[in-house]
């Protein structure tokens, strides 16, 4: 495993772009909260699309997941024993 304590922090391209966009702009708390909300919405949309693709690839529906979750929660010990 690599030792990361001595390695310098490296920003990715998205982080660098955001820094460049806002380097000369002062933002109020409301503006900052709005920006955070926008970024979270964008990431949530990406995650939703990825989940939909995984469900499609595995030929599953949200209902299938809900049923499986319910079965797991009803009796976790028995469920684990069956699925080992």
Protein backbone atom coordinates (compact mmCIF):
# COMPACT_ATOMS: atom_id res chain seq x y z
CA UNK A 1 0.00 0.00 0.00
CA UNK A 2 1.36 3.43 -0.94
CA UNK A 3 2.24 5.91 1.75
CA UNK A 4 0.16 9.02 1.07
CA UNK A 5 1.31 11.07 4.07
CA UNK A 6 4.32 12.46 2.18
CA UNK A 7 2.63 12.95 -1.19
CA UNK A 8 1.42 16.44 -2.07
CA UNK A 9 -2.30 17.07 -2.42
CA UNK A 10 -3.26 16.99 -6.08
CA UNK A 11 -6.47 18.54 -7.34
CA UNK A 12 -8.34 16.94 -10.19
CA UNK A 13 -9.45 18.79 -13.32
CA UNK A 14 -12.94 19.54 -11.97
CA UNK A 15 -11.52 21.01 -8.76
CA UNK A 16 -9.05 23.15 -10.70
CA UNK A 17 -11.80 24.41 -13.00
CA UNK A 18 -13.97 25.43 -10.03
CA UNK A 19 -11.06 27.22 -8.42
CA UNK A 20 -10.33 29.10 -11.64
CA UNK A 21 -13.99 30.05 -12.11
CA UNK A 22 -14.33 31.48 -8.62
CA UNK A 23 -10.84 32.74 -7.81
CA UNK A 24 -11.78 36.43 -8.18
CA UNK A 25 -15.38 36.23 -7.02
CA UNK A 26 -16.55 36.82 -3.49
CA UNK A 27 -19.70 34.87 -2.70
CA UNK A 28 -22.27 35.41 -0.01
CA UNK A 29 -23.41 32.51 2.15
CA UNK A 30 -26.64 32.31 0.13
CA UNK A 31 -24.72 32.17 -3.15
CA UNK A 32 -22.38 29.54 -1.77
CA UNK A 33 -25.31 27.43 -0.54
CA UNK A 34 -26.97 27.76 -3.94
CA UNK A 35 -23.78 26.61 -5.67
CA UNK A 36 -23.48 23.64 -3.31
CA UNK A 37 -27.11 22.71 -3.98
CA UNK A 38 -26.52 22.88 -7.72
CA UNK A 39 -23.47 20.62 -7.48
CA UNK A 40 -25.26 18.14 -5.22
CA UNK A 41 -28.25 18.05 -7.62
CA UNK A 42 -25.89 17.36 -10.52
CA UNK A 43 -24.13 14.54 -8.65
CA UNK A 44 -27.47 13.10 -7.53
CA UNK A 45 -28.68 13.06 -11.14
CA UNK A 46 -25.48 11.24 -12.20
CA UNK A 47 -25.91 8.70 -9.41
CA UNK A 48 -29.56 8.12 -10.34
CA UNK A 49 -28.56 7.46 -13.95
CA UNK A 50 -25.85 5.04 -12.86
CA UNK A 51 -28.26 3.17 -10.57
CA UNK A 52 -30.83 2.92 -13.38
CA UNK A 53 -28.16 1.50 -15.70
CA UNK A 54 -27.04 -1.08 -13.12
CA UNK A 55 -30.64 -2.15 -12.49
CA UNK A 56 -31.21 -2.45 -16.24
CA UNK A 57 -27.99 -4.44 -16.73
CA UNK A 58 -28.97 -6.80 -13.91
CA UNK A 59 -32.59 -6.97 -15.10
CA UNK A 60 -33.87 -5.79 -11.71
CA UNK A 61 -36.49 -3.27 -10.62
CA UNK A 62 -36.63 -1.07 -7.54
CA UNK A 63 -39.42 -3.37 -6.34
CA UNK A 64 -37.05 -6.36 -6.57
CA UNK A 65 -34.55 -4.49 -4.41
CA UNK A 66 -37.25 -3.51 -1.91
CA UNK A 67 -38.43 -7.13 -1.60
CA UNK A 68 -34.88 -8.37 -1.11
CA UNK A 69 -34.19 -5.69 1.48
CA UNK A 70 -37.39 -6.54 3.34
CA UNK A 71 -36.47 -10.23 3.33
CA UNK A 72 -33.00 -9.44 4.63
CA UNK A 73 -34.35 -7.27 7.42
CA UNK A 74 -37.01 -9.78 8.52
CA UNK A 75 -34.49 -12.35 9.57
CA UNK A 76 -30.90 -11.33 8.95
CA UNK A 77 -29.38 -14.49 10.46
CA UNK A 78 -31.43 -16.84 8.26
CA UNK A 79 -30.86 -14.66 5.18
CA UNK A 80 -27.08 -14.68 5.72
CA UNK A 81 -27.07 -18.43 6.22
CA UNK A 82 -29.00 -18.99 2.95
CA UNK A 83 -26.77 -16.67 0.94
CA UNK A 84 -23.38 -17.97 2.05
